[in-house]
Amino acid sequence: LDAAALFQGQASKAGIQVAIKRQPADSYWDDVWMKAP
């Protein structure tokens, strides 16, 4: 999550706007990994 926040700030300088969607830890590998874009 810290890495995501840093990337969010860094990418904005290149015209890339990043919204961070914080996902539940317990279901991350079942519901997010290989499924979220």
Full PDB file with SEQRES, HELIX, SHEET, SSBOND, CRYST1, ORIGX, SCALE, CONECT and MASTER records, all heavy atoms in Angstrom:
SEQRES   1 A   37  LEU ASP ALA ALA ALA LEU PHE GLN GLY GLN ALA SER LYS          
SEQRES   2 A   37  ALA GLY ILE GLN VAL ALA ILE LYS ARG GLN PRO ALA ASP          
SEQRES   3 A   37  SER TYR TRP ASP ASP VAL TRP MET LYS ALA PRO                  
HELIX    1 AA1 ASP A    2  SER A   12  1                                  11    
HELIX    2 AA2 TYR A   28  ASP A   31  1                                   4    
CRYST1    1.000    1.000    1.000  90.00  90.00  90.00 P 1           1          
ORIGX1      1.000000  0.000000  0.000000        0.00000                         
ORIGX2      0.000000  1.000000  0.000000        0.00000                         
ORIGX3      0.000000  0.000000  1.000000        0.00000                         
SCALE1      1.000000  0.000000  0.000000        0.00000                         
SCALE2      0.000000  1.000000  0.000000        0.00000                         
SCALE3      0.000000  0.000000  1.000000        0.00000                         
ATOM      1  N   LEU A   1       0.824  -1.205   0.000  1.00  0.00           N  
ATOM      2  CA  LEU A   1       0.000   0.000   0.000  1.00  0.00           C  
ATOM      3  C   LEU A   1       0.860   1.258   0.000  1.00  0.00           C  
ATOM      4  O   LEU A   1       0.533   2.255  -0.658  1.00  0.00           O  
ATOM      5  CB  LEU A   1      -0.943  -0.014   1.205  1.00  0.00           C  
ATOM      6  CG  LEU A   1      -2.094  -1.020   1.104  1.00  0.00           C  
ATOM      7  CD1 LEU A   1      -2.774  -1.203   2.457  1.00  0.00           C  
ATOM      8  CD2 LEU A   1      -3.113  -0.574   0.056  1.00  0.00           C  
ATOM      9  N   ASP A   2       1.979   1.222   0.713  1.00  0.00           N  
ATOM     10  CA  ASP A   2       2.909   2.353   0.679  1.00  0.00           C  
ATOM     11  C   ASP A   2       3.491   2.516  -0.720  1.00  0.00           C  
ATOM     12  O   ASP A   2       3.637   3.635  -1.221  1.00  0.00           O  
ATOM     13  CB  ASP A   2       4.037   2.147   1.688  1.00  0.00           C  
ATOM     14  CG  ASP A   2       3.567   2.212   3.126  1.00  0.00           C  
ATOM     15  OD1 ASP A   2       2.513   2.827   3.380  1.00  0.00           O  
ATOM     16  OD2 ASP A   2       4.255   1.657   3.999  1.00  0.00           O  
ATOM     17  N   ALA A   3       3.849   1.387  -1.349  1.00  0.00           N  
ATOM     18  CA  ALA A   3       4.399   1.439  -2.710  1.00  0.00           C  
ATOM     19  C   ALA A   3       3.367   1.999  -3.686  1.00  0.00           C  
ATOM     20  O   ALA A   3       3.702   2.782  -4.584  1.00  0.00           O  
ATOM     21  CB  ALA A   3       4.853   0.047  -3.139  1.00  0.00           C  
ATOM     22  N   ALA A   4       2.120   1.609  -3.506  1.00  0.00           N  
ATOM     23  CA  ALA A   4       1.056   2.112  -4.376  1.00  0.00           C  
ATOM     24  C   ALA A   4       0.902   3.620  -4.233  1.00  0.00           C  
ATOM     25  O   ALA A   4       0.732   4.345  -5.229  1.00  0.00           O  
ATOM     26  CB  ALA A   4      -0.259   1.405  -4.052  1.00  0.00           C  
ATOM     27  N   ALA A   5       0.972   4.106  -3.006  1.00  0.00           N  
ATOM     28  CA  ALA A   5       0.833   5.545  -2.771  1.00  0.00           C  
ATOM     29  C   ALA A   5       1.996   6.325  -3.381  1.00  0.00           C  
ATOM     30  O   ALA A   5       1.802   7.410  -3.956  1.00  0.00           O  
ATOM     31  CB  ALA A   5       0.738   5.815  -1.273  1.00  0.00           C  
ATOM     32  N   LEU A   6       3.201   5.802  -3.260  1.00  0.00           N  
ATOM     33  CA  LEU A   6       4.354   6.459  -3.865  1.00  0.00           C  
ATOM     34  C   LEU A   6       4.230   6.487  -5.387  1.00  0.00           C  
ATOM     35  O   LEU A   6       4.491   7.507  -6.038  1.00  0.00           O  
ATOM     36  CB  LEU A   6       5.645   5.754  -3.452  1.00  0.00           C  
ATOM     37  CG  LEU A   6       6.125   6.008  -2.017  1.00  0.00           C  
ATOM     38  CD1 LEU A   6       7.246   5.050  -1.656  1.00  0.00           C  
ATOM     39  CD2 LEU A   6       6.599   7.445  -1.866  1.00  0.00           C  
ATOM     40  N   PHE A   7       3.839   5.358  -5.961  1.00  0.00           N  
ATOM     41  CA  PHE A   7       3.654   5.291  -7.415  1.00  0.00           C  
ATOM     42  C   PHE A   7       2.584   6.276  -7.870  1.00  0.00           C  
ATOM     43  O   PHE A   7       2.716   6.922  -8.918  1.00  0.00           O  
ATOM     44  CB  PHE A   7       3.286   3.858  -7.815  1.00  0.00           C  
ATOM     45  CG  PHE A   7       2.884   3.702  -9.254  1.00  0.00           C  
ATOM     46  CD1 PHE A   7       3.752   4.045 -10.279  1.00  0.00           C  
ATOM     47  CD2 PHE A   7       1.623   3.215  -9.582  1.00  0.00           C  
ATOM     48  CE1 PHE A   7       3.370   3.904 -11.610  1.00  0.00           C  
ATOM     49  CE2 PHE A   7       1.240   3.070 -10.909  1.00  0.00           C  
ATOM     50  CZ  PHE A   7       2.120   3.417 -11.930  1.00  0.00           C  
ATOM     51  N   GLN A   8       1.537   6.406  -7.083  1.00  0.00           N  
ATOM     52  CA  GLN A   8       0.448   7.335  -7.414  1.00  0.00           C  
ATOM     53  C   GLN A   8       0.993   8.753  -7.607  1.00  0.00           C  
ATOM     54  O   GLN A   8       0.660   9.430  -8.579  1.00  0.00           O  
ATOM     55  CB  GLN A   8      -0.596   7.314  -6.299  1.00  0.00           C  
ATOM     56  CG  GLN A   8      -1.802   8.189  -6.529  1.00  0.00           C  
ATOM     57  CD  GLN A   8      -2.750   8.153  -5.325  1.00  0.00           C  
ATOM     58  OE1 GLN A   8      -2.315   8.345  -4.179  1.00  0.00           O  
ATOM     59  NE2 GLN A   8      -4.023   7.880  -5.586  1.00  0.00           N  
ATOM     60  N   GLY A   9       1.841   9.184  -6.685  1.00  0.00           N  
ATOM     61  CA  GLY A   9       2.412  10.517  -6.778  1.00  0.00           C  
ATOM     62  C   GLY A   9       3.410  10.646  -7.916  1.00  0.00           C  
ATOM     63  O   GLY A   9       3.451  11.662  -8.614  1.00  0.00           O  
ATOM     64  N   GLN A  10       4.219   9.613  -8.105  1.00  0.00           N  
ATOM     65  CA  GLN A  10       5.244   9.658  -9.148  1.00  0.00           C  
ATOM     66  C   GLN A  10       4.629   9.643 -10.541  1.00  0.00           C  
ATOM     67  O   GLN A  10       5.046  10.380 -11.441  1.00  0.00           O  
ATOM     68  CB  GLN A  10       6.196   8.471  -8.962  1.00  0.00           C  
ATOM     69  CG  GLN A  10       6.986   8.519  -7.669  1.00  0.00           C  
ATOM     70  CD  GLN A  10       7.520   7.154  -7.240  1.00  0.00           C  
ATOM     71  OE1 GLN A  10       7.319   6.148  -7.922  1.00  0.00           O  
ATOM     72  NE2 GLN A  10       8.196   7.126  -6.089  1.00  0.00           N  
ATOM     73  N   ALA A  11       3.622   8.793 -10.738  1.00  0.00           N  
ATOM     74  CA  ALA A  11       3.004   8.647 -12.061  1.00  0.00           C  
ATOM     75  C   ALA A  11       2.232   9.898 -12.477  1.00  0.00           C  
ATOM     76  O   ALA A  11       2.103  10.183 -13.677  1.00  0.00           O  
ATOM     77  CB  ALA A  11       2.078   7.433 -12.068  1.00  0.00           C  
ATOM     78  N   SER A  12       1.743  10.658 -11.501  1.00  0.00           N  
ATOM     79  CA  SER A  12       0.965  11.854 -11.838  1.00  0.00           C  
ATOM     80  C   SER A  12       1.797  12.867 -12.617  1.00  0.00           C  
ATOM     81  O   SER A  12       1.263  13.629 -13.426  1.00  0.00           O  
ATOM     82  CB  SER A  12       0.407  12.497 -10.561  1.00  0.00           C  
ATOM     83  OG  SER A  12       1.470  13.000  -9.749  1.00  0.00           O  
ATOM     84  N   LYS A  13       3.110  12.851 -12.403  1.00  0.00           N  
ATOM     85  CA  LYS A  13       3.985  13.781 -13.122  1.00  0.00           C  
ATOM     86  C   LYS A  13       4.116  13.408 -14.588  1.00  0.00           C  
ATOM     87  O   LYS A  13       4.604  14.203 -15.391  1.00  0.00           O  
ATOM     88  CB  LYS A  13       5.355  13.811 -12.457  1.00  0.00           C  
ATOM     89  CG  LYS A  13       5.324  14.334 -11.029  1.00  0.00           C  
ATOM     90  CD  LYS A  13       6.702  14.315 -10.384  1.00  0.00           C  
ATOM     91  CE  LYS A  13       6.638  14.812  -8.946  1.00  0.00           C  
ATOM     92  NZ  LYS A  13       7.982  14.776  -8.294  1.00  0.00           N  
ATOM     93  N   ALA A  14       3.688  12.208 -14.932  1.00  0.00           N  
ATOM     94  CA  ALA A  14       3.725  11.755 -16.324  1.00  0.00           C  
ATOM     95  C   ALA A  14       2.351  11.789 -16.967  1.00  0.00           C  
ATOM     96  O   ALA A  14       2.165  11.288 -18.071  1.00  0.00           O  
ATOM     97  CB  ALA A  14       4.290  10.332 -16.383  1.00  0.00           C  
ATOM     98  N   GLY A  15       1.371  12.354 -16.262  1.00  0.00           N  
ATOM     99  CA  GLY A  15       0.017  12.403 -16.802  1.00  0.00           C  
ATOM    100  C   GLY A  15      -0.769  11.134 -16.565  1.00  0.00           C  
ATOM    101  O   GLY A  15      -1.800  10.907 -17.199  1.00  0.00           O  
ATOM    102  N   ILE A  16      -0.300  10.300 -15.639  1.00  0.00           N  
ATOM    103  CA  ILE A  16      -0.988   9.049 -15.308  1.00  0.00           C  
ATOM    104  C   ILE A  16      -1.638   9.214 -13.940  1.00  0.00           C  
ATOM    105  O   ILE A  16      -0.932   9.344 -12.917  1.00  0.00           O  
ATOM    106  CB  ILE A  16      -0.013   7.856 -15.302  1.00  0.00           C  
ATOM    107  CG1 ILE A  16       0.668   7.725 -16.669  1.00  0.00           C  
ATOM    108  CG2 ILE A  16      -0.737   6.571 -14.935  1.00  0.00           C  
ATOM    109  CD1 ILE A  16       1.791   6.690 -16.695  1.00  0.00           C  
ATOM    110  N   GLN A  17      -2.944   9.245 -13.902  1.00  0.00           N  
ATOM    111  CA  GLN A  17      -3.677   9.406 -12.650  1.00  0.00           C  
ATOM    112  C   GLN A  17      -4.069   8.027 -12.120  1.00  0.00           C  
ATOM    113  O   GLN A  17      -4.732   7.256 -12.810  1.00  0.00           O  
ATOM    114  CB  GLN A  17      -4.928  10.260 -12.865  1.00  0.00           C  
ATOM    115  CG  GLN A  17      -4.635  11.642 -13.434  1.00  0.00           C  
ATOM    116  CD  GLN A  17      -3.696  12.457 -12.560  1.00  0.00           C  
ATOM    117  OE1 GLN A  17      -3.858  12.503 -11.335  1.00  0.00           O  
ATOM    118  NE2 GLN A  17      -2.717  13.098 -13.187  1.00  0.00           N  
ATOM    119  N   VAL A  18      -3.637   7.716 -10.905  1.00  0.00           N  
ATOM    120  CA  VAL A  18      -3.850   6.391 -10.319  1.00  0.00           C  
ATOM    121  C   VAL A  18      -4.753   6.507  -9.099  1.00  0.00           C  
ATOM    122  O   VAL A  18      -4.433   7.214  -8.135  1.00  0.00           O  
ATOM    123  CB  VAL A  18      -2.508   5.731  -9.916  1.00  0.00           C  
ATOM    124  CG1 VAL A  18      -2.759   4.359  -9.276  1.00  0.00           C  
ATOM    125  CG2 VAL A  18      -1.587   5.606 -11.126  1.00  0.00           C  
ATOM    126  N   ALA A  19      -5.877   5.821  -9.127  1.00  0.00           N  
ATOM    127  CA  ALA A  19      -6.751   5.696  -7.958  1.00  0.00           C  
ATOM    128  C   ALA A  19      -6.463   4.347  -7.303  1.00  0.00           C  
ATOM    129  O   ALA A  19      -6.448   3.313  -7.978  1.00  0.00           O  
ATOM    130  CB  ALA A  19      -8.210   5.780  -8.375  1.00  0.00           C  
ATOM    131  N   ILE A  20      -6.219   4.360  -6.016  1.00  0.00           N  
ATOM    132  CA  ILE A  20      -5.871   3.129  -5.304  1.00  0.00           C  
ATOM    133  C   ILE A  20      -7.127   2.513  -4.699  1.00  0.00           C  
ATOM    134  O   ILE A  20      -7.845   3.174  -3.934  1.00  0.00           O  
ATOM    135  CB  ILE A  20      -4.831   3.406  -4.204  1.00  0.00           C  
ATOM    136  CG1 ILE A  20      -3.561   3.987  -4.815  1.00  0.00           C  
ATOM    137  CG2 ILE A  20      -4.521   2.124  -3.431  1.00  0.00           C  
ATOM    138  CD1 ILE A  20      -2.560   4.473  -3.787  1.00  0.00           C  
ATOM    139  N   LYS A  21      -7.381   1.266  -5.045  1.00  0.00           N  
ATOM    140  CA  LYS A  21      -8.507   0.533  -4.476  1.00  0.00           C  
ATOM    141  C   LYS A  21      -7.952  -0.453  -3.454  1.00  0.00           C  
ATOM    142  O   LYS A  21      -7.342  -1.457  -3.806  1.00  0.00           O  
ATOM    143  CB  LYS A  21      -9.283  -0.217  -5.562  1.00  0.00           C  
ATOM    144  CG  LYS A  21     -10.533  -0.916  -5.037  1.00  0.00           C  
ATOM    145  CD  LYS A  21     -11.340  -1.535  -6.174  1.00  0.00           C  
ATOM    146  CE  LYS A  21     -12.625  -2.166  -5.651  1.00  0.00           C  
ATOM    147  NZ  LYS A  21     -13.424  -2.770  -6.753  1.00  0.00           N  
ATOM    148  N   ARG A  22      -8.163  -0.150  -2.199  1.00  0.00           N  
ATOM    149  CA  ARG A  22      -7.644  -1.001  -1.118  1.00  0.00           C  
ATOM    150  C   ARG A  22      -8.527  -2.239  -0.985  1.00  0.00           C  
ATOM    151  O   ARG A  22      -9.734  -2.138  -0.742  1.00  0.00           O  
ATOM    152  CB  ARG A  22      -7.602  -0.232   0.191  1.00  0.00           C  
ATOM    153  CG  ARG A  22      -6.999  -1.011   1.336  1.00  0.00           C  
ATOM    154  CD  ARG A  22      -6.694  -0.100   2.505  1.00  0.00           C  
ATOM    155  NE  ARG A  22      -6.029  -0.821   3.577  1.00  0.00           N  
ATOM    156  CZ  ARG A  22      -5.268  -0.240   4.496  1.00  0.00           C  
ATOM    157  NH1 ARG A  22      -5.086   1.069   4.460  1.00  0.00           N  
ATOM    158  NH2 ARG A  22      -4.694  -0.950   5.432  1.00  0.00           N  
ATOM    159  N   GLN A  23      -7.915  -3.404  -1.136  1.00  0.00           N  
ATOM    160  CA  GLN A  23      -8.650  -4.665  -1.148  1.00  0.00           C  
ATOM    161  C   GLN A  23      -8.454  -5.424   0.166  1.00  0.00           C  
ATOM    162  O   GLN A  23      -7.402  -5.310   0.810  1.00  0.00           O  
ATOM    163  CB  GLN A  23      -8.171  -5.541  -2.304  1.00  0.00           C  
ATOM    164  CG  GLN A  23      -8.366  -4.925  -3.679  1.00  0.00           C  
ATOM    165  CD  GLN A  23      -9.788  -5.074  -4.191  1.00  0.00           C  
ATOM    166  OE1 GLN A  23     -10.678  -5.531  -3.474  1.00  0.00           O  
ATOM    167  NE2 GLN A  23     -10.010  -4.697  -5.440  1.00  0.00           N  
ATOM    168  N   PRO A  24      -9.470  -6.219   0.594  1.00  0.00           N  
ATOM    169  CA  PRO A  24      -9.322  -7.016   1.817  1.00  0.00           C  
ATOM    170  C   PRO A  24      -8.182  -8.024   1.697  1.00  0.00           C  
ATOM    171  O   PRO A  24      -8.008  -8.658   0.643  1.00  0.00           O  
ATOM    172  CB  PRO A  24     -10.674  -7.739   1.940  1.00  0.00           C  
ATOM    173  CG  PRO A  24     -11.613  -6.953   1.083  1.00  0.00           C  
ATOM    174  CD  PRO A  24     -10.786  -6.389  -0.027  1.00  0.00           C  
ATOM    175  N   ALA A  25      -7.410  -8.161   2.752  1.00  0.00           N  
ATOM    176  CA  ALA A  25      -6.255  -9.060   2.715  1.00  0.00           C  
ATOM    177  C   ALA A  25      -6.668 -10.523   2.619  1.00  0.00           C  
ATOM    178  O   ALA A  25      -6.044 -11.309   1.894  1.00  0.00           O  
ATOM    179  CB  ALA A  25      -5.391  -8.841   3.959  1.00  0.00           C  
ATOM    180  N   ASP A  26      -7.719 -10.916   3.340  1.00  0.00           N  
ATOM    181  CA  ASP A  26      -8.068 -12.330   3.439  1.00  0.00           C  
ATOM    182  C   ASP A  26      -8.531 -12.939   2.118  1.00  0.00           C  
ATOM    183  O   ASP A  26      -8.420 -14.145   1.918  1.00  0.00           O  
ATOM    184  CB  ASP A  26      -9.155 -12.535   4.500  1.00  0.00           C  
ATOM    185  CG  ASP A  26      -8.625 -12.371   5.914  1.00  0.00           C  
ATOM    186  OD1 ASP A  26      -7.382 -12.360   6.070  1.00  0.00           O  
ATOM    187  OD2 ASP A  26      -9.427 -12.236   6.847  1.00  0.00           O  
ATOM    188  N   SER A  27      -9.061 -12.106   1.232  1.00  0.00           N  
ATOM    189  CA  SER A  27      -9.583 -12.648  -0.018  1.00  0.00           C  
ATOM    190  C   SER A  27      -8.787 -12.191  -1.240  1.00  0.00           C  
ATOM    191  O   SER A  27      -9.211 -12.411  -2.374  1.00  0.00           O  
ATOM    192  CB  SER A  27     -11.058 -12.232  -0.187  1.00  0.00           C  
ATOM    193  OG  SER A  27     -11.188 -10.822  -0.173  1.00  0.00           O  
ATOM    194  N   TYR A  28      -7.637 -11.566  -0.999  1.00  0.00           N  
ATOM    195  CA  TYR A  28      -6.904 -10.929  -2.095  1.00  0.00           C  
ATOM    196  C   TYR A  28      -6.505 -11.922  -3.180  1.00  0.00           C  
ATOM    197  O   TYR A  28      -6.688 -11.672  -4.367  1.00  0.00           O  
ATOM    198  CB  TYR A  28      -5.663 -10.223  -1.545  1.00  0.00           C  
ATOM    199  CG  TYR A  28      -4.993  -9.323  -2.560  1.00  0.00           C  
ATOM    200  CD1 TYR A  28      -5.483  -8.061  -2.826  1.00  0.00           C  
ATOM    201  CD2 TYR A  28      -3.863  -9.749  -3.265  1.00  0.00           C  
ATOM    202  CE1 TYR A  28      -4.878  -7.224  -3.764  1.00  0.00           C  
ATOM    203  CE2 TYR A  28      -3.253  -8.927  -4.198  1.00  0.00           C  
ATOM    204  CZ  TYR A  28      -3.768  -7.659  -4.442  1.00  0.00           C  
ATOM    205  OH  TYR A  28      -3.170  -6.853  -5.378  1.00  0.00           O  
ATOM    206  N   TRP A  29      -5.972 -13.058  -2.782  1.00  0.00           N  
ATOM    207  CA  TRP A  29      -5.451 -13.999  -3.772  1.00  0.00           C  
ATOM    208  C   TRP A  29      -6.571 -14.749  -4.490  1.00  0.00           C  
ATOM    209  O   TRP A  29      -6.358 -15.249  -5.606  1.00  0.00           O  
ATOM    210  CB  TRP A  29      -4.477 -14.971  -3.112  1.00  0.00           C  
ATOM    211  CG  TRP A  29      -3.302 -14.231  -2.555  1.00  0.00           C  
ATOM    212  CD1 TRP A  29      -3.022 -13.979  -1.244  1.00  0.00           C  
ATOM    213  CD2 TRP A  29      -2.267 -13.582  -3.305  1.00  0.00           C  
ATOM    214  NE1 TRP A  29      -1.889 -13.222  -1.126  1.00  0.00           N  
ATOM    215  CE2 TRP A  29      -1.400 -12.966  -2.378  1.00  0.00           C  
ATOM    216  CE3 TRP A  29      -1.989 -13.451  -4.673  1.00  0.00           C  
ATOM    217  CZ2 TRP A  29      -0.269 -12.236  -2.776  1.00  0.00           C  
ATOM    218  CZ3 TRP A  29      -0.878 -12.728  -5.070  1.00  0.00           C  
ATOM    219  CH2 TRP A  29      -0.041 -12.131  -4.128  1.00  0.00           C  
ATOM    220  N   ASP A  30      -7.736 -14.810  -3.905  1.00  0.00           N  
ATOM    221  CA  ASP A  30      -8.861 -15.476  -4.560  1.00  0.00           C  
ATOM    222  C   ASP A  30      -9.662 -14.526  -5.447  1.00  0.00           C  
ATOM    223  O   ASP A  30     -10.105 -14.906  -6.544  1.00  0.00           O  
ATOM    224  CB  ASP A  30      -9.802 -16.087  -3.514  1.00  0.00           C  
ATOM    225  CG  ASP A  30      -9.176 -17.264  -2.795  1.00  0.00           C  
ATOM    226  OD1 ASP A  30      -8.433 -18.025  -3.438  1.00  0.00           O  
ATOM    227  OD2 ASP A  30      -9.410 -17.408  -1.583  1.00  0.00           O  
ATOM    228  N   ASP A  31      -9.829 -13.286  -4.989  1.00  0.00           N  
ATOM    229  CA  ASP A  31     -10.764 -12.379  -5.654  1.00  0.00           C  
ATOM    230  C   ASP A  31     -10.109 -11.287  -6.488  1.00  0.00           C  
ATOM    231  O   ASP A  31     -10.786 -10.661  -7.327  1.00  0.00           O  
ATOM    232  CB  ASP A  31     -11.673 -11.714  -4.604  1.00  0.00           C  
ATOM    233  CG  ASP A  31     -12.525 -12.719  -3.847  1.00  0.00           C  
ATOM    234  OD1 ASP A  31     -12.719 -13.833  -4.371  1.00  0.00           O  
ATOM    235  OD2 ASP A  31     -12.975 -12.394  -2.731  1.00  0.00           O  
ATOM    236  N   VAL A  32      -8.823 -11.027  -6.262  1.00  0.00           N  
ATOM    237  CA  VAL A  32      -8.175  -9.897  -6.935  1.00  0.00           C  
ATOM    238  C   VAL A  32      -7.064 -10.351  -7.876  1.00  0.00           C  
ATOM    239  O   VAL A  32      -7.051  -9.986  -9.053  1.00  0.00           O  
ATOM    240  CB  VAL A  32      -7.617  -8.894  -5.902  1.00  0.00           C  
ATOM    241  CG1 VAL A  32      -6.934  -7.721  -6.601  1.00  0.00           C  
ATOM    242  CG2 VAL A  32      -8.726  -8.400  -4.986  1.00  0.00           C  
ATOM    243  N   TRP A  33      -6.132 -11.136  -7.370  1.00  0.00           N  
ATOM    244  CA  TRP A  33      -4.985 -11.574  -8.167  1.00  0.00           C  
ATOM    245  C   TRP A  33      -5.449 -12.324  -9.417  1.00  0.00           C  
ATOM    246  O   TRP A  33      -6.305 -13.199  -9.341  1.00  0.00           O  
ATOM    247  CB  TRP A  33      -4.083 -12.460  -7.319  1.00  0.00           C  
ATOM    248  CG  TRP A  33      -2.851 -12.960  -8.015  1.00  0.00           C  
ATOM    249  CD1 TRP A  33      -1.854 -12.207  -8.558  1.00  0.00           C  
ATOM    250  CD2 TRP A  33      -2.500 -14.322  -8.225  1.00  0.00           C  
ATOM    251  NE1 TRP A  33      -0.885 -13.028  -9.092  1.00  0.00           N  
ATOM    252  CE2 TRP A  33      -1.254 -14.333  -8.912  1.00  0.00           C  
ATOM    253  CE3 TRP A  33      -3.094 -15.535  -7.904  1.00  0.00           C  
ATOM    254  CZ2 TRP A  33      -0.609 -15.516  -9.278  1.00  0.00           C  
ATOM    255  CZ3 TRP A  33      -2.458 -16.707  -8.266  1.00  0.00           C  
ATOM    256  CH2 TRP A  33      -1.230 -16.691  -8.944  1.00  0.00           C  
ATOM    257  N   MET A  34      -4.934 -11.945 -10.561  1.00  0.00           N  
ATOM    258  CA  MET A  34      -5.246 -12.519 -11.867  1.00  0.00           C  
ATOM    259  C   MET A  34      -6.669 -12.195 -12.332  1.00  0.00           C  
ATOM    260  O   MET A  34      -7.113 -12.700 -13.355  1.00  0.00           O  
ATOM    261  CB  MET A  34      -5.009 -14.035 -11.895  1.00  0.00           C  
ATOM    262  CG  MET A  34      -3.559 -14.424 -11.730  1.00  0.00           C  
ATOM    263  SD  MET A  34      -3.228 -16.164 -12.081  1.00  0.00           S  
ATOM    264  CE  MET A  34      -3.513 -16.219 -13.871  1.00  0.00           C  
ATOM    265  N   LYS A  35      -7.372 -11.344 -11.577  1.00  0.00           N  
ATOM    266  CA  LYS A  35      -8.743 -10.981 -11.959  1.00  0.00           C  
ATOM    267  C   LYS A  35      -8.898  -9.470 -12.158  1.00  0.00           C  
ATOM    268  O   LYS A  35      -9.574  -9.047 -13.085  1.00  0.00           O  
ATOM    269  CB  LYS A  35      -9.737 -11.487 -10.906  1.00  0.00           C  
ATOM    270  CG  LYS A  35      -9.788 -13.011 -10.826  1.00  0.00           C  
ATOM    271  CD  LYS A  35     -10.729 -13.481  -9.735  1.00  0.00           C  
ATOM    272  CE  LYS A  35     -10.727 -15.011  -9.664  1.00  0.00           C  
ATOM    273  NZ  LYS A  35     -11.574 -15.530  -8.559  1.00  0.00           N  
ATOM    274  N   ALA A  36      -8.286  -8.675 -11.283  1.00  0.00           N  
ATOM    275  CA  ALA A  36      -8.368  -7.227 -11.435  1.00  0.00           C  
ATOM    276  C   ALA A  36      -7.513  -6.778 -12.625  1.00  0.00           C  
ATOM    277  O   ALA A  36      -6.440  -7.338 -12.866  1.00  0.00           O  
ATOM    278  CB  ALA A  36      -7.910  -6.534 -10.157  1.00  0.00           C  
ATOM    279  N   PRO A  37      -7.943  -5.777 -13.373  1.00  0.00           N  
ATOM    280  CA  PRO A  37      -7.167  -5.334 -14.539  1.00  0.00           C  
ATOM    281  C   PRO A  37      -5.770  -4.825 -14.183  1.00  0.00           C  
ATOM    282  O   PRO A  37      -4.829  -5.002 -14.953  1.00  0.00           O  
ATOM    283  CB  PRO A  37      -8.028  -4.207 -15.124  1.00  0.00           C  
ATOM    284  CG  PRO A  37      -9.408  -4.492 -14.641  1.00  0.00           C  
ATOM    285  CD  PRO A  37      -9.244  -5.097 -13.276  1.00  0.00           C  
TER     286      PRO A  37                                                      
MASTER        0    0    0    2    0    0    0    6  285    1    0    3          
END                                                                             
